[in-house]
Amino acid sequence: QVQLVESGGGLVQAGGSLRLSCAASGSTSSINDIGWYRQAPGKQRELVAGISSGGNTNYADSVKGRFTISRDNAKNTVYLQMNSLKPEDTAVYYCKRILYGSTITIGPWGQGTQVTVSS
């Protein structure tokens, strides 16, 4: 079973940057389609960005041009580079196996990593 662990969150001022990491381990040496999600207090969890095993990417409109999802297959890690952060980006961020291009997710949710953007 693949396990995903998120890291890299923290407190940053508006306009700053953070890079989140999603490290995979477990019974498979490769990671497939991965999505980054976030959940802010009182709001539903939403898909922020997704990347396919072949490197195709998609983004929520709210983060296009500011966030970049990428992968390093040698390290079994997917990254989310977040630039020009806004207070409304404050949320717990999760990575999850997905079926790219669909709303299907695979496996349990992890602990996530907290991102807090101060104004």
N, C-alpha and C. Protein backbone atom coordinates (compact mmCIF):
# COMPACT_ATOMS: atom_id res chain seq x y z
N GLN A 1 0.84 -1.19 0.00
CA GLN A 1 0.00 0.00 0.00
C GLN A 1 0.87 1.23 0.00
N VAL A 2 0.54 2.19 -0.86
CA VAL A 2 1.30 3.43 -0.94
C VAL A 2 0.91 4.36 0.20
N GLN A 3 1.90 4.93 0.82
CA GLN A 3 1.66 5.93 1.85
C GLN A 3 2.22 7.26 1.38
N LEU A 4 1.45 8.32 1.59
CA LEU A 4 1.86 9.66 1.20
C LEU A 4 1.99 10.53 2.44
N VAL A 5 3.07 11.27 2.54
CA VAL A 5 3.31 12.14 3.68
C VAL A 5 3.58 13.55 3.17
N GLU A 6 2.76 14.50 3.66
CA GLU A 6 2.92 15.90 3.27
C GLU A 6 3.85 16.63 4.22
N SER A 7 4.58 17.59 3.70
CA SER A 7 5.45 18.44 4.53
C SER A 7 5.68 19.76 3.82
N GLY A 8 6.25 20.71 4.57
CA GLY A 8 6.65 21.97 3.96
C GLY A 8 5.76 23.15 4.30
N GLY A 9 4.68 22.92 5.03
CA GLY A 9 3.81 24.03 5.39
C GLY A 9 4.45 24.95 6.40
N GLY A 10 3.78 26.04 6.67
CA GLY A 10 4.29 27.00 7.65
C GLY A 10 3.55 28.29 7.60
N LEU A 11 4.10 29.28 8.28
CA LEU A 11 3.53 30.63 8.33
C LEU A 11 4.34 31.54 7.42
N VAL A 12 3.66 32.25 6.55
CA VAL A 12 4.34 33.14 5.61
C VAL A 12 3.49 34.40 5.42
N GLN A 13 4.15 35.49 5.11
CA GLN A 13 3.42 36.72 4.85
C GLN A 13 2.84 36.71 3.44
N ALA A 14 1.80 37.47 3.26
CA ALA A 14 1.20 37.61 1.94
C ALA A 14 2.27 38.04 0.93
N GLY A 15 2.24 37.42 -0.23
CA GLY A 15 3.23 37.68 -1.26
C GLY A 15 4.41 36.74 -1.21
N GLY A 16 4.52 35.97 -0.14
CA GLY A 16 5.63 35.05 0.02
C GLY A 16 5.41 33.74 -0.70
N SER A 17 6.34 32.82 -0.48
CA SER A 17 6.33 31.52 -1.17
C SER A 17 6.57 30.39 -0.19
N LEU A 18 6.06 29.24 -0.56
CA LEU A 18 6.32 27.99 0.15
C LEU A 18 6.36 26.87 -0.88
N ARG A 19 7.10 25.83 -0.55
CA ARG A 19 7.09 24.63 -1.39
C ARG A 19 6.67 23.45 -0.53
N LEU A 20 5.59 22.82 -0.92
CA LEU A 20 5.11 21.64 -0.22
C LEU A 20 5.65 20.39 -0.91
N SER A 21 5.87 19.35 -0.11
CA SER A 21 6.34 18.07 -0.64
C SER A 21 5.37 16.97 -0.26
N CYS A 22 5.22 16.03 -1.16
CA CYS A 22 4.39 14.84 -0.94
C CYS A 22 5.28 13.64 -1.25
N ALA A 23 5.74 12.98 -0.21
CA ALA A 23 6.66 11.86 -0.37
C ALA A 23 5.91 10.54 -0.30
N ALA A 24 6.17 9.67 -1.26
CA ALA A 24 5.50 8.38 -1.32
C ALA A 24 6.42 7.27 -0.85
N SER A 25 5.84 6.34 -0.13
CA SER A 25 6.58 5.16 0.31
C SER A 25 5.61 3.99 0.39
N GLY A 26 6.17 2.80 0.56
CA GLY A 26 5.28 1.66 0.70
C GLY A 26 5.57 0.58 -0.31
N SER A 27 4.52 -0.08 -0.74
CA SER A 27 4.69 -1.29 -1.52
C SER A 27 4.96 -1.03 -2.99
N THR A 28 4.92 0.21 -3.38
CA THR A 28 5.22 0.51 -4.77
C THR A 28 6.36 1.52 -4.84
N SER A 29 7.19 1.37 -5.80
CA SER A 29 8.33 2.27 -5.93
C SER A 29 8.01 3.48 -6.80
N SER A 30 6.81 3.53 -7.32
CA SER A 30 6.47 4.67 -8.17
C SER A 30 5.13 5.24 -7.73
N ILE A 31 4.98 6.49 -8.00
CA ILE A 31 3.72 7.14 -7.69
C ILE A 31 3.02 7.49 -9.00
N ASN A 32 1.74 7.47 -8.99
CA ASN A 32 0.98 7.66 -10.20
C ASN A 32 0.40 9.07 -10.25
N ASP A 33 -0.87 9.18 -10.52
CA ASP A 33 -1.51 10.49 -10.56
C ASP A 33 -1.68 11.00 -9.12
N ILE A 34 -1.30 12.25 -8.91
CA ILE A 34 -1.37 12.83 -7.57
C ILE A 34 -2.08 14.17 -7.63
N GLY A 35 -2.88 14.43 -6.63
CA GLY A 35 -3.54 15.72 -6.51
C GLY A 35 -3.19 16.38 -5.18
N TRP A 36 -3.07 17.68 -5.21
CA TRP A 36 -2.95 18.49 -3.99
C TRP A 36 -4.33 19.10 -3.72
N TYR A 37 -4.80 18.93 -2.51
CA TYR A 37 -6.07 19.47 -2.07
C TYR A 37 -5.82 20.41 -0.90
N ARG A 38 -6.83 21.23 -0.60
CA ARG A 38 -6.74 22.06 0.59
C ARG A 38 -8.12 22.19 1.22
N GLN A 39 -8.10 22.40 2.51
CA GLN A 39 -9.35 22.62 3.24
C GLN A 39 -9.15 23.74 4.23
N ALA A 40 -9.88 24.81 4.03
CA ALA A 40 -9.85 25.94 4.94
C ALA A 40 -10.95 25.75 5.98
N PRO A 41 -10.81 26.39 7.14
CA PRO A 41 -11.83 26.26 8.19
C PRO A 41 -13.21 26.63 7.68
N GLY A 42 -14.16 25.74 7.92
CA GLY A 42 -15.53 26.02 7.53
C GLY A 42 -15.83 25.84 6.06
N LYS A 43 -14.86 25.35 5.29
CA LYS A 43 -15.05 25.18 3.85
C LYS A 43 -14.81 23.73 3.46
N GLN A 44 -15.35 23.40 2.28
CA GLN A 44 -15.13 22.06 1.77
C GLN A 44 -13.73 21.90 1.21
N ARG A 45 -13.26 20.66 1.24
CA ARG A 45 -11.96 20.37 0.66
C ARG A 45 -12.03 20.57 -0.85
N GLU A 46 -11.01 21.17 -1.43
CA GLU A 46 -11.01 21.42 -2.87
C GLU A 46 -9.71 20.99 -3.50
N LEU A 47 -9.80 20.60 -4.76
CA LEU A 47 -8.61 20.23 -5.51
C LEU A 47 -7.90 21.50 -5.96
N VAL A 48 -6.64 21.58 -5.65
CA VAL A 48 -5.84 22.76 -6.00
C VAL A 48 -5.07 22.51 -7.30
N ALA A 49 -4.46 21.33 -7.40
CA ALA A 49 -3.66 21.01 -8.59
C ALA A 49 -3.53 19.50 -8.70
N GLY A 50 -3.38 19.03 -9.92
CA GLY A 50 -3.18 17.60 -10.16
C GLY A 50 -2.09 17.38 -11.18
N ILE A 51 -1.44 16.24 -11.07
CA ILE A 51 -0.41 15.88 -12.03
C ILE A 51 -0.55 14.40 -12.36
N SER A 52 -0.48 14.09 -13.64
CA SER A 52 -0.59 12.70 -14.07
C SER A 52 0.77 12.01 -14.05
N SER A 53 0.77 10.72 -14.21
CA SER A 53 2.03 9.98 -14.25
C SER A 53 2.88 10.43 -15.43
N GLY A 54 2.24 10.93 -16.46
CA GLY A 54 2.98 11.40 -17.63
C GLY A 54 3.36 12.86 -17.58
N GLY A 55 3.00 13.54 -16.49
CA GLY A 55 3.41 14.93 -16.32
C GLY A 55 2.40 15.97 -16.73
N ASN A 56 1.21 15.55 -17.16
CA ASN A 56 0.16 16.54 -17.43
C ASN A 56 -0.30 17.17 -16.13
N THR A 57 -0.66 18.44 -16.19
CA THR A 57 -1.05 19.15 -14.98
C THR A 57 -2.35 19.92 -15.18
N ASN A 58 -3.06 20.14 -14.09
CA ASN A 58 -4.21 21.04 -14.11
C ASN A 58 -4.28 21.77 -12.78
N TYR A 59 -4.96 22.91 -12.78
CA TYR A 59 -5.00 23.79 -11.62
C TYR A 59 -6.39 24.36 -11.42
N ALA A 60 -6.70 24.63 -10.16
CA ALA A 60 -7.90 25.40 -9.86
C ALA A 60 -7.69 26.83 -10.36
N ASP A 61 -8.76 27.46 -10.79
CA ASP A 61 -8.64 28.82 -11.32
C ASP A 61 -8.02 29.77 -10.29
N SER A 62 -8.30 29.53 -9.03
CA SER A 62 -7.85 30.44 -7.97
C SER A 62 -6.33 30.43 -7.79
N VAL A 63 -5.64 29.42 -8.32
CA VAL A 63 -4.19 29.34 -8.10
C VAL A 63 -3.40 29.37 -9.41
N LYS A 64 -4.09 29.40 -10.53
CA LYS A 64 -3.40 29.42 -11.82
C LYS A 64 -2.45 30.61 -11.91
N GLY A 65 -1.24 30.35 -12.36
CA GLY A 65 -0.24 31.40 -12.49
C GLY A 65 0.55 31.66 -11.21
N ARG A 66 0.09 31.08 -10.10
CA ARG A 66 0.79 31.26 -8.81
C ARG A 66 1.37 29.97 -8.28
N PHE A 67 0.68 28.86 -8.50
CA PHE A 67 1.12 27.56 -7.99
C PHE A 67 1.61 26.70 -9.15
N THR A 68 2.60 25.87 -8.85
CA THR A 68 3.12 24.94 -9.84
C THR A 68 3.29 23.57 -9.19
N ILE A 69 2.69 22.56 -9.81
CA ILE A 69 2.85 21.20 -9.34
C ILE A 69 3.88 20.50 -10.21
N SER A 70 4.73 19.71 -9.58
CA SER A 70 5.78 19.01 -10.32
C SER A 70 6.09 17.70 -9.60
N ARG A 71 6.87 16.85 -10.28
CA ARG A 71 7.19 15.57 -9.67
C ARG A 71 8.64 15.21 -9.94
N ASP A 72 9.22 14.47 -9.00
CA ASP A 72 10.56 13.91 -9.15
C ASP A 72 10.39 12.42 -8.93
N ASN A 73 10.29 11.67 -10.01
CA ASN A 73 10.03 10.24 -9.88
C ASN A 73 11.17 9.50 -9.21
N ALA A 74 12.38 9.99 -9.37
CA ALA A 74 13.53 9.34 -8.74
C ALA A 74 13.43 9.41 -7.22
N LYS A 75 12.78 10.45 -6.73
CA LYS A 75 12.62 10.64 -5.28
C LYS A 75 11.22 10.25 -4.80
N ASN A 76 10.38 9.78 -5.72
CA ASN A 76 9.00 9.44 -5.37
C ASN A 76 8.32 10.59 -4.64
N THR A 77 8.50 11.78 -5.16
CA THR A 77 7.99 12.98 -4.50
C THR A 77 7.30 13.90 -5.50
N VAL A 78 6.18 14.45 -5.07
CA VAL A 78 5.46 15.47 -5.83
C VAL A 78 5.51 16.76 -5.03
N TYR A 79 5.75 17.86 -5.73
CA TYR A 79 5.89 19.16 -5.08
C TYR A 79 4.76 20.09 -5.47
N LEU A 80 4.49 21.04 -4.61
CA LEU A 80 3.58 22.14 -4.94
C LEU A 80 4.30 23.43 -4.57
N GLN A 81 4.80 24.13 -5.60
CA GLN A 81 5.43 25.42 -5.39
C GLN A 81 4.35 26.49 -5.37
N MET A 82 4.29 27.22 -4.28
CA MET A 82 3.24 28.23 -4.10
C MET A 82 3.89 29.60 -4.00
N ASN A 83 3.62 30.44 -4.97
CA ASN A 83 4.16 31.81 -4.99
C ASN A 83 3.02 32.82 -4.86
N SER A 84 3.39 34.04 -4.55
CA SER A 84 2.41 35.14 -4.42
C SER A 84 1.24 34.71 -3.54
N LEU A 85 1.57 34.16 -2.40
CA LEU A 85 0.54 33.64 -1.52
C LEU A 85 -0.37 34.74 -0.99
N LYS A 86 -1.63 34.38 -0.81
CA LYS A 86 -2.65 35.29 -0.32
C LYS A 86 -3.24 34.74 0.97
N PRO A 87 -3.81 35.60 1.79
CA PRO A 87 -4.45 35.09 3.03
C PRO A 87 -5.50 34.02 2.75
N GLU A 88 -6.17 34.12 1.62
CA GLU A 88 -7.20 33.11 1.30
C GLU A 88 -6.62 31.76 0.91
N ASP A 89 -5.30 31.66 0.80
CA ASP A 89 -4.66 30.37 0.57
C ASP A 89 -4.46 29.61 1.88
N THR A 90 -4.75 30.26 2.99
CA THR A 90 -4.61 29.60 4.29
C THR A 90 -5.52 28.39 4.37
N ALA A 91 -4.92 27.24 4.68
CA ALA A 91 -5.67 25.98 4.72
C ALA A 91 -4.72 24.86 5.14
N VAL A 92 -5.31 23.70 5.39
CA VAL A 92 -4.52 22.48 5.51
C VAL A 92 -4.44 21.87 4.12
N TYR A 93 -3.23 21.56 3.69
CA TYR A 93 -3.00 21.03 2.35
C TYR A 93 -2.71 19.53 2.44
N TYR A 94 -3.34 18.79 1.55
CA TYR A 94 -3.21 17.34 1.52
C TYR A 94 -2.81 16.89 0.12
N CYS A 95 -2.05 15.82 0.04
CA CYS A 95 -1.84 15.18 -1.26
C CYS A 95 -2.54 13.82 -1.24
N LYS A 96 -2.92 13.39 -2.42
CA LYS A 96 -3.73 12.18 -2.53
C LYS A 96 -3.53 11.56 -3.90
N ARG A 97 -3.58 10.26 -3.95
CA ARG A 97 -3.61 9.59 -5.23
C ARG A 97 -4.96 9.86 -5.89
N ILE A 98 -4.94 10.13 -7.17
CA ILE A 98 -6.16 10.42 -7.90
C ILE A 98 -6.16 9.68 -9.22
N LEU A 99 -7.30 9.71 -9.88
CA LEU A 99 -7.36 9.36 -11.30
C LEU A 99 -7.41 10.69 -12.05
N TYR A 100 -6.31 11.02 -12.67
CA TYR A 100 -6.16 12.34 -13.28
C TYR A 100 -7.30 12.63 -14.25
N GLY A 101 -7.87 13.81 -14.13
CA GLY A 101 -8.96 14.20 -15.02
C GLY A 101 -10.33 13.81 -14.51
N SER A 102 -10.38 13.16 -13.35
CA SER A 102 -11.65 12.79 -12.75
C SER A 102 -11.69 13.31 -11.32
N THR A 103 -12.80 13.02 -10.65
CA THR A 103 -12.91 13.41 -9.24
C THR A 103 -12.61 12.23 -8.32
N ILE A 104 -12.12 11.14 -8.89
CA ILE A 104 -11.86 9.93 -8.11
C ILE A 104 -10.54 10.05 -7.35
N THR A 105 -10.59 9.75 -6.06
CA THR A 105 -9.39 9.69 -5.25
C THR A 105 -9.21 8.27 -4.74
N ILE A 106 -7.97 7.95 -4.37
CA ILE A 106 -7.63 6.58 -3.98
C ILE A 106 -6.91 6.60 -2.64
N GLY A 107 -7.36 5.76 -1.71
CA GLY A 107 -6.68 5.63 -0.44
C GLY A 107 -7.17 6.64 0.59
N PRO A 108 -6.62 6.54 1.80
CA PRO A 108 -7.06 7.42 2.88
C PRO A 108 -6.40 8.80 2.81
N TRP A 109 -6.98 9.76 3.48
CA TRP A 109 -6.38 11.08 3.61
C TRP A 109 -5.27 11.02 4.66
N GLY A 110 -4.22 11.79 4.43
CA GLY A 110 -3.13 11.89 5.40
C GLY A 110 -3.38 12.98 6.41
N GLN A 111 -2.33 13.34 7.12
CA GLN A 111 -2.44 14.37 8.15
C GLN A 111 -2.48 15.77 7.57
N GLY A 112 -1.92 15.92 6.40
CA GLY A 112 -1.86 17.24 5.78
C GLY A 112 -0.78 18.10 6.39
N THR A 113 -0.59 19.27 5.79
CA THR A 113 0.36 20.24 6.30
C THR A 113 -0.29 21.62 6.29
N GLN A 114 -0.16 22.33 7.40
CA GLN A 114 -0.84 23.60 7.57
C GLN A 114 -0.08 24.72 6.86
N VAL A 115 -0.79 25.49 6.08
CA VAL A 115 -0.26 26.71 5.46
C VAL A 115 -1.06 27.89 5.99
N THR A 116 -0.36 28.85 6.55
CA THR A 116 -1.01 30.04 7.07
C THR A 116 -0.36 31.26 6.43
N VAL A 117 -1.16 32.09 5.80
CA VAL A 117 -0.67 33.29 5.13
C VAL A 117 -1.23 34.50 5.86
N SER A 118 -0.33 35.29 6.40
CA SER A 118 -0.75 36.48 7.15
C SER A 118 -0.80 37.69 6.23
N SER A 119 -1.71 38.59 6.54
CA SER A 119 -1.87 39.79 5.70
C SER A 119 -0.98 40.92 6.16
